[in-house]
Amino acid sequence: TVSGDFFREIPVEADIYLMKWIIHDWN
């Protein structure tokens, strides 16, 4: 588990990134 704010940084390295119902919340 890694905590943070994706508007500041996403300090995570992976082969696949999932984002469920994240982008639709924002302009």
PDB file of all heavy atoms in Angstrom:
ATOM      1  N   THR A   1       0.838  -1.194   0.000  1.00  0.00           N
ATOM      2  CA  THR A   1       0.000   0.000   0.000  1.00  0.00           C
ATOM      3  C   THR A   1       0.877   1.250   0.000  1.00  0.00           C
ATOM      4  O   THR A   1       1.899   1.306   0.695  1.00  0.00           O
ATOM      5  CB  THR A   1      -0.943   0.029   1.219  1.00  0.00           C
ATOM      6  OG1 THR A   1      -0.183  -0.030   2.421  1.00  0.00           O
ATOM      7  CG2 THR A   1      -1.921  -1.134   1.172  1.00  0.00           C
ATOM      8  N   VAL A   2       0.472   2.230  -0.784  1.00  0.00           N
ATOM      9  CA  VAL A   2       1.180   3.509  -0.880  1.00  0.00           C
ATOM     10  C   VAL A   2       0.130   4.608  -0.793  1.00  0.00           C
ATOM     11  O   VAL A   2      -0.884   4.563  -1.499  1.00  0.00           O
ATOM     12  CB  VAL A   2       1.962   3.632  -2.208  1.00  0.00           C
ATOM     13  CG1 VAL A   2       2.645   4.998  -2.295  1.00  0.00           C
ATOM     14  CG2 VAL A   2       2.972   2.500  -2.349  1.00  0.00           C
ATOM     15  N   SER A   3       0.370   5.588   0.069  1.00  0.00           N
ATOM     16  CA  SER A   3      -0.598   6.673   0.201  1.00  0.00           C
ATOM     17  C   SER A   3      -0.058   7.946  -0.430  1.00  0.00           C
ATOM     18  O   SER A   3       1.159   8.157  -0.510  1.00  0.00           O
ATOM     19  CB  SER A   3      -0.932   6.921   1.678  1.00  0.00           C
ATOM     20  OG  SER A   3       0.206   7.322   2.392  1.00  0.00           O
ATOM     21  N   GLY A   4      -0.962   8.787  -0.877  1.00  0.00           N
ATOM     22  CA  GLY A   4      -0.559  10.038  -1.488  1.00  0.00           C
ATOM     23  C   GLY A   4      -1.719  10.741  -2.156  1.00  0.00           C
ATOM     24  O   GLY A   4      -2.879  10.353  -2.009  1.00  0.00           O
ATOM     25  N   ASP A   5      -1.392  11.760  -2.927  1.00  0.00           N
ATOM     26  CA  ASP A   5      -2.365  12.591  -3.637  1.00  0.00           C
ATOM     27  C   ASP A   5      -1.995  12.571  -5.117  1.00  0.00           C
ATOM     28  O   ASP A   5      -0.927  13.053  -5.499  1.00  0.00           O
ATOM     29  CB  ASP A   5      -2.309  14.022  -3.091  1.00  0.00           C
ATOM     30  CG  ASP A   5      -3.249  14.986  -3.803  1.00  0.00           C
ATOM     31  OD1 ASP A   5      -3.846  14.597  -4.826  1.00  0.00           O
ATOM     32  OD2 ASP A   5      -3.359  16.141  -3.344  1.00  0.00           O
ATOM     33  N   PHE A   6      -2.871  11.997  -5.962  1.00  0.00           N
ATOM     34  CA  PHE A   6      -2.474  11.840  -7.369  1.00  0.00           C
ATOM     35  C   PHE A   6      -2.387  13.163  -8.117  1.00  0.00           C
ATOM     36  O   PHE A   6      -1.913  13.205  -9.247  1.00  0.00           O
ATOM     37  CB  PHE A   6      -3.334  10.831  -8.120  1.00  0.00           C
ATOM     38  CG  PHE A   6      -4.830  10.969  -8.017  1.00  0.00           C
ATOM     39  CD1 PHE A   6      -5.471  12.193  -8.151  1.00  0.00           C
ATOM     40  CD2 PHE A   6      -5.621   9.838  -7.833  1.00  0.00           C
ATOM     41  CE1 PHE A   6      -6.840  12.307  -8.088  1.00  0.00           C
ATOM     42  CE2 PHE A   6      -7.009   9.934  -7.764  1.00  0.00           C
ATOM     43  CZ  PHE A   6      -7.623  11.177  -7.895  1.00  0.00           C
ATOM     44  N   PHE A   7      -2.828  14.266  -7.512  1.00  0.00           N
ATOM     45  CA  PHE A   7      -2.609  15.564  -8.139  1.00  0.00           C
ATOM     46  C   PHE A   7      -1.198  16.093  -7.873  1.00  0.00           C
ATOM     47  O   PHE A   7      -0.759  17.026  -8.540  1.00  0.00           O
ATOM     48  CB  PHE A   7      -3.640  16.588  -7.650  1.00  0.00           C
ATOM     49  CG  PHE A   7      -4.979  16.451  -8.329  1.00  0.00           C
ATOM     50  CD1 PHE A   7      -6.089  16.047  -7.615  1.00  0.00           C
ATOM     51  CD2 PHE A   7      -5.115  16.719  -9.678  1.00  0.00           C
ATOM     52  CE1 PHE A   7      -7.326  15.924  -8.236  1.00  0.00           C
ATOM     53  CE2 PHE A   7      -6.346  16.602 -10.309  1.00  0.00           C
ATOM     54  CZ  PHE A   7      -7.451  16.198  -9.587  1.00  0.00           C
ATOM     55  N   ARG A   8      -0.507  15.508  -6.902  1.00  0.00           N
ATOM     56  CA  ARG A   8       0.863  15.929  -6.605  1.00  0.00           C
ATOM     57  C   ARG A   8       1.881  14.987  -7.240  1.00  0.00           C
ATOM     58  O   ARG A   8       2.786  15.408  -7.958  1.00  0.00           O
ATOM     59  CB  ARG A   8       1.070  15.994  -5.091  1.00  0.00           C
ATOM     60  CG  ARG A   8       0.209  17.063  -4.433  1.00  0.00           C
ATOM     61  CD  ARG A   8       0.581  17.262  -2.985  1.00  0.00           C
ATOM     62  NE  ARG A   8      -0.189  18.348  -2.395  1.00  0.00           N
ATOM     63  CZ  ARG A   8       0.015  18.830  -1.184  1.00  0.00           C
ATOM     64  NH1 ARG A   8       0.987  18.326  -0.419  1.00  0.00           N
ATOM     65  NH2 ARG A   8      -0.726  19.817  -0.725  1.00  0.00           N
ATOM     66  N   GLU A   9       1.756  13.704  -6.957  1.00  0.00           N
ATOM     67  CA  GLU A   9       2.632  12.713  -7.567  1.00  0.00           C
ATOM     68  C   GLU A   9       2.028  11.333  -7.369  1.00  0.00           C
ATOM     69  O   GLU A   9       1.197  11.122  -6.482  1.00  0.00           O
ATOM     70  CB  GLU A   9       4.044  12.755  -6.954  1.00  0.00           C
ATOM     71  CG  GLU A   9       4.094  12.414  -5.479  1.00  0.00           C
ATOM     72  CD  GLU A   9       5.516  12.274  -4.967  1.00  0.00           C
ATOM     73  OE1 GLU A   9       6.444  12.155  -5.803  1.00  0.00           O
ATOM     74  OE2 GLU A   9       5.702  12.265  -3.732  1.00  0.00           O
ATOM     75  N   ILE A  10       2.473  10.412  -8.216  1.00  0.00           N
ATOM     76  CA  ILE A  10       2.074   9.012  -8.087  1.00  0.00           C
ATOM     77  C   ILE A  10       3.366   8.194  -8.063  1.00  0.00           C
ATOM     78  O   ILE A  10       3.823   7.705  -9.103  1.00  0.00           O
ATOM     79  CB  ILE A  10       1.145   8.574  -9.244  1.00  0.00           C
ATOM     80  CG1 ILE A  10      -0.066   9.511  -9.343  1.00  0.00           C
ATOM     81  CG2 ILE A  10       0.683   7.129  -9.044  1.00  0.00           C
ATOM     82  CD1 ILE A  10      -0.974   9.223 -10.525  1.00  0.00           C
ATOM     83  N   PRO A  11       3.978   8.064  -6.895  1.00  0.00           N
ATOM     84  CA  PRO A  11       5.291   7.413  -6.808  1.00  0.00           C
ATOM     85  C   PRO A  11       5.183   5.892  -6.841  1.00  0.00           C
ATOM     86  O   PRO A  11       5.590   5.191  -5.909  1.00  0.00           O
ATOM     87  CB  PRO A  11       5.815   7.914  -5.468  1.00  0.00           C
ATOM     88  CG  PRO A  11       4.585   8.087  -4.632  1.00  0.00           C
ATOM     89  CD  PRO A  11       3.507   8.550  -5.590  1.00  0.00           C
ATOM     90  N   VAL A  12       4.675   5.382  -7.944  1.00  0.00           N
ATOM     91  CA  VAL A  12       4.413   3.948  -8.084  1.00  0.00           C
ATOM     92  C   VAL A  12       4.898   3.502  -9.454  1.00  0.00           C
ATOM     93  O   VAL A  12       4.522   4.096 -10.471  1.00  0.00           O
ATOM     94  CB  VAL A  12       2.898   3.655  -7.951  1.00  0.00           C
ATOM     95  CG1 VAL A  12       2.608   2.188  -8.251  1.00  0.00           C
ATOM     96  CG2 VAL A  12       2.392   4.023  -6.560  1.00  0.00           C
ATOM     97  N   GLU A  13       5.706   2.456  -9.491  1.00  0.00           N
ATOM     98  CA  GLU A  13       6.164   1.890 -10.763  1.00  0.00           C
ATOM     99  C   GLU A  13       5.541   0.517 -10.941  1.00  0.00           C
ATOM    100  O   GLU A  13       5.643  -0.344 -10.064  1.00  0.00           O
ATOM    101  CB  GLU A  13       7.693   1.785 -10.782  1.00  0.00           C
ATOM    102  CG  GLU A  13       8.254   1.397 -12.143  1.00  0.00           C
ATOM    103  CD  GLU A  13       9.771   1.470 -12.191  1.00  0.00           C
ATOM    104  OE1 GLU A  13      10.313   2.566 -11.923  1.00  0.00           O
ATOM    105  OE2 GLU A  13      10.389   0.427 -12.503  1.00  0.00           O
ATOM    106  N   ALA A  14       4.886   0.309 -12.068  1.00  0.00           N
ATOM    107  CA  ALA A  14       4.179  -0.950 -12.307  1.00  0.00           C
ATOM    108  C   ALA A  14       4.135  -1.251 -13.796  1.00  0.00           C
ATOM    109  O   ALA A  14       4.406  -0.383 -14.640  1.00  0.00           O
ATOM    110  CB  ALA A  14       2.761  -0.872 -11.738  1.00  0.00           C
ATOM    111  N   ASP A  15       3.784  -2.489 -14.116  1.00  0.00           N
ATOM    112  CA  ASP A  15       3.599  -2.882 -15.513  1.00  0.00           C
ATOM    113  C   ASP A  15       2.223  -2.480 -16.016  1.00  0.00           C
ATOM    114  O   ASP A  15       2.049  -2.107 -17.176  1.00  0.00           O
ATOM    115  CB  ASP A  15       3.781  -4.395 -15.664  1.00  0.00           C
ATOM    116  CG  ASP A  15       5.155  -4.862 -15.222  1.00  0.00           C
ATOM    117  OD1 ASP A  15       6.146  -4.297 -15.704  1.00  0.00           O
ATOM    118  OD2 ASP A  15       5.224  -5.778 -14.378  1.00  0.00           O
ATOM    119  N   ILE A  16       1.231  -2.579 -15.117  1.00  0.00           N
ATOM    120  CA  ILE A  16      -0.146  -2.217 -15.451  1.00  0.00           C
ATOM    121  C   ILE A  16      -0.695  -1.329 -14.344  1.00  0.00           C
ATOM    122  O   ILE A  16      -0.557  -1.647 -13.157  1.00  0.00           O
ATOM    123  CB  ILE A  16      -1.041  -3.467 -15.612  1.00  0.00           C
ATOM    124  CG1 ILE A  16      -0.598  -4.308 -16.812  1.00  0.00           C
ATOM    125  CG2 ILE A  16      -2.506  -3.064 -15.769  1.00  0.00           C
ATOM    126  CD1 ILE A  16      -1.373  -5.605 -16.963  1.00  0.00           C
ATOM    127  N   TYR A  17      -1.312  -0.224 -14.747  1.00  0.00           N
ATOM    128  CA  TYR A  17      -1.965   0.679 -13.801  1.00  0.00           C
ATOM    129  C   TYR A  17      -3.476   0.612 -14.038  1.00  0.00           C
ATOM    130  O   TYR A  17      -3.943   0.803 -15.168  1.00  0.00           O
ATOM    131  CB  TYR A  17      -1.494   2.117 -13.997  1.00  0.00           C
ATOM    132  CG  TYR A  17      -0.029   2.344 -13.730  1.00  0.00           C
ATOM    133  CD1 TYR A  17       0.909   2.216 -14.757  1.00  0.00           C
ATOM    134  CD2 TYR A  17       0.428   2.697 -12.462  1.00  0.00           C
ATOM    135  CE1 TYR A  17       2.259   2.439 -14.520  1.00  0.00           C
ATOM    136  CE2 TYR A  17       1.775   2.929 -12.217  1.00  0.00           C
ATOM    137  CZ  TYR A  17       2.687   2.793 -13.248  1.00  0.00           C
ATOM    138  OH  TYR A  17       4.025   3.018 -13.010  1.00  0.00           O
ATOM    139  N   LEU A  18      -4.238   0.365 -12.982  1.00  0.00           N
ATOM    140  CA  LEU A  18      -5.693   0.398 -13.036  1.00  0.00           C
ATOM    141  C   LEU A  18      -6.187   1.732 -12.493  1.00  0.00           C
ATOM    142  O   LEU A  18      -5.654   2.253 -11.513  1.00  0.00           O
ATOM    143  CB  LEU A  18      -6.292  -0.730 -12.195  1.00  0.00           C
ATOM    144  CG  LEU A  18      -5.881  -2.170 -12.504  1.00  0.00           C
ATOM    145  CD1 LEU A  18      -6.395  -3.104 -11.413  1.00  0.00           C
ATOM    146  CD2 LEU A  18      -6.424  -2.594 -13.862  1.00  0.00           C
ATOM    147  N   MET A  19      -7.229   2.266 -13.126  1.00  0.00           N
ATOM    148  CA  MET A  19      -7.934   3.431 -12.587  1.00  0.00           C
ATOM    149  C   MET A  19      -9.425   3.230 -12.848  1.00  0.00           C
ATOM    150  O   MET A  19      -9.878   3.336 -13.981  1.00  0.00           O
ATOM    151  CB  MET A  19      -7.481   4.730 -13.257  1.00  0.00           C
ATOM    152  CG  MET A  19      -6.140   5.250 -12.821  1.00  0.00           C
ATOM    153  SD  MET A  19      -5.853   6.904 -13.538  1.00  0.00           S
ATOM    154  CE  MET A  19      -4.321   7.353 -12.741  1.00  0.00           C
ATOM    155  N   LYS A  20     -10.157   2.915 -11.794  1.00  0.00           N
ATOM    156  CA  LYS A  20     -11.596   2.696 -11.953  1.00  0.00           C
ATOM    157  C   LYS A  20     -12.365   3.927 -11.504  1.00  0.00           C
ATOM    158  O   LYS A  20     -12.274   4.329 -10.344  1.00  0.00           O
ATOM    159  CB  LYS A  20     -12.054   1.482 -11.146  1.00  0.00           C
ATOM    160  CG  LYS A  20     -13.566   1.213 -11.265  1.00  0.00           C
ATOM    161  CD  LYS A  20     -14.017   0.085 -10.386  1.00  0.00           C
ATOM    162  CE  LYS A  20     -13.986   0.427  -8.936  1.00  0.00           C
ATOM    163  NZ  LYS A  20     -14.977   1.496  -8.553  1.00  0.00           N
ATOM    164  N   TRP A  21     -13.136   4.490 -12.422  1.00  0.00           N
ATOM    165  CA  TRP A  21     -13.982   5.652 -12.130  1.00  0.00           C
ATOM    166  C   TRP A  21     -13.174   6.759 -11.444  1.00  0.00           C
ATOM    167  O   TRP A  21     -13.629   7.360 -10.490  1.00  0.00           O
ATOM    168  CB  TRP A  21     -15.187   5.249 -11.275  1.00  0.00           C
ATOM    169  CG  TRP A  21     -16.381   4.908 -12.110  1.00  0.00           C
ATOM    170  CD1 TRP A  21     -16.528   5.055 -13.444  1.00  0.00           C
ATOM    171  CD2 TRP A  21     -17.616   4.346 -11.630  1.00  0.00           C
ATOM    172  NE1 TRP A  21     -17.769   4.630 -13.849  1.00  0.00           N
ATOM    173  CE2 TRP A  21     -18.447   4.181 -12.759  1.00  0.00           C
ATOM    174  CE3 TRP A  21     -18.078   3.964 -10.375  1.00  0.00           C
ATOM    175  CZ2 TRP A  21     -19.727   3.654 -12.650  1.00  0.00           C
ATOM    176  CZ3 TRP A  21     -19.355   3.441 -10.283  1.00  0.00           C
ATOM    177  CH2 TRP A  21     -20.163   3.294 -11.411  1.00  0.00           C
ATOM    178  N   ILE A  22     -11.983   7.028 -11.965  1.00  0.00           N
ATOM    179  CA  ILE A  22     -11.161   8.125 -11.465  1.00  0.00           C
ATOM    180  C   ILE A  22     -11.228   9.304 -12.425  1.00  0.00           C
ATOM    181  O   ILE A  22     -11.637  10.404 -12.061  1.00  0.00           O
ATOM    182  CB  ILE A  22      -9.691   7.682 -11.279  1.00  0.00           C
ATOM    183  CG1 ILE A  22      -9.598   6.521 -10.288  1.00  0.00           C
ATOM    184  CG2 ILE A  22      -8.838   8.871 -10.836  1.00  0.00           C
ATOM    185  CD1 ILE A  22     -10.043   6.862  -8.894  1.00  0.00           C
ATOM    186  N   ILE A  23     -10.859   9.067 -13.667  1.00  0.00           N
ATOM    187  CA  ILE A  23     -10.756  10.159 -14.640  1.00  0.00           C
ATOM    188  C   ILE A  23     -12.111  10.819 -14.893  1.00  0.00           C
ATOM    189  O   ILE A  23     -12.185  12.034 -15.121  1.00  0.00           O
ATOM    190  CB  ILE A  23     -10.127   9.653 -15.948  1.00  0.00           C
ATOM    191  CG1 ILE A  23      -8.684   9.178 -15.686  1.00  0.00           C
ATOM    192  CG2 ILE A  23     -10.136  10.715 -17.029  1.00  0.00           C
ATOM    193  CD1 ILE A  23      -7.769  10.248 -15.112  1.00  0.00           C
ATOM    194  N   HIS A  24     -13.200  10.067 -14.805  1.00  0.00           N
ATOM    195  CA  HIS A  24     -14.507  10.679 -15.090  1.00  0.00           C
ATOM    196  C   HIS A  24     -14.924  11.704 -14.036  1.00  0.00           C
ATOM    197  O   HIS A  24     -15.845  12.492 -14.270  1.00  0.00           O
ATOM    198  CB  HIS A  24     -15.580   9.602 -15.272  1.00  0.00           C
ATOM    199  CG  HIS A  24     -16.183   9.073 -14.008  1.00  0.00           C
ATOM    200  ND1 HIS A  24     -17.440   8.529 -13.956  1.00  0.00           N
ATOM    201  CD2 HIS A  24     -15.696   8.981 -12.743  1.00  0.00           C
ATOM    202  CE1 HIS A  24     -17.715   8.143 -12.723  1.00  0.00           C
ATOM    203  NE2 HIS A  24     -16.670   8.402 -11.969  1.00  0.00           N
ATOM    204  N   ASP A  25     -14.258  11.702 -12.883  1.00  0.00           N
ATOM    205  CA  ASP A  25     -14.598  12.674 -11.840  1.00  0.00           C
ATOM    206  C   ASP A  25     -14.091  14.083 -12.139  1.00  0.00           C
ATOM    207  O   ASP A  25     -14.511  15.035 -11.471  1.00  0.00           O
ATOM    208  CB  ASP A  25     -13.980  12.242 -10.499  1.00  0.00           C
ATOM    209  CG  ASP A  25     -14.769  11.136  -9.818  1.00  0.00           C
ATOM    210  OD1 ASP A  25     -15.986  11.045 -10.052  1.00  0.00           O
ATOM    211  OD2 ASP A  25     -14.167  10.376  -9.043  1.00  0.00           O
ATOM    212  N   TRP A  26     -13.199  14.221 -13.133  1.00  0.00           N
ATOM    213  CA  TRP A  26     -12.465  15.463 -13.287  1.00  0.00           C
ATOM    214  C   TRP A  26     -12.608  16.037 -14.684  1.00  0.00           C
ATOM    215  O   TRP A  26     -12.833  15.300 -15.648  1.00  0.00           O
ATOM    216  CB  TRP A  26     -10.986  15.229 -12.966  1.00  0.00           C
ATOM    217  CG  TRP A  26     -10.797  14.542 -11.653  1.00  0.00           C
ATOM    218  CD1 TRP A  26     -10.530  13.226 -11.437  1.00  0.00           C
ATOM    219  CD2 TRP A  26     -10.906  15.139 -10.346  1.00  0.00           C
ATOM    220  NE1 TRP A  26     -10.452  12.961 -10.089  1.00  0.00           N
ATOM    221  CE2 TRP A  26     -10.684  14.117  -9.399  1.00  0.00           C
ATOM    222  CE3 TRP A  26     -11.161  16.451  -9.905  1.00  0.00           C
ATOM    223  CZ2 TRP A  26     -10.723  14.359  -8.024  1.00  0.00           C
ATOM    224  CZ3 TRP A  26     -11.195  16.692  -8.537  1.00  0.00           C
ATOM    225  CH2 TRP A  26     -10.971  15.652  -7.621  1.00  0.00           C
ATOM    226  N   ASN A  27     -12.433  17.367 -14.800  1.00  0.00           N
ATOM    227  CA  ASN A  27     -12.471  17.993 -16.115  1.00  0.00           C
ATOM    228  C   ASN A  27     -11.192  17.662 -16.888  1.00  0.00           C
ATOM    229  O   ASN A  27     -10.294  16.975 -16.368  1.00  0.00           O
ATOM    230  CB  ASN A  27     -12.685  19.508 -15.997  1.00  0.00           C
ATOM    231  CG  ASN A  27     -11.537  20.232 -15.293  1.00  0.00           C
ATOM    232  OD1 ASN A  27     -10.369  19.863 -15.413  1.00  0.00           O
ATOM    233  ND2 ASN A  27     -11.866  21.287 -14.560  1.00  0.00           N
TER     234      ASN A  27
END
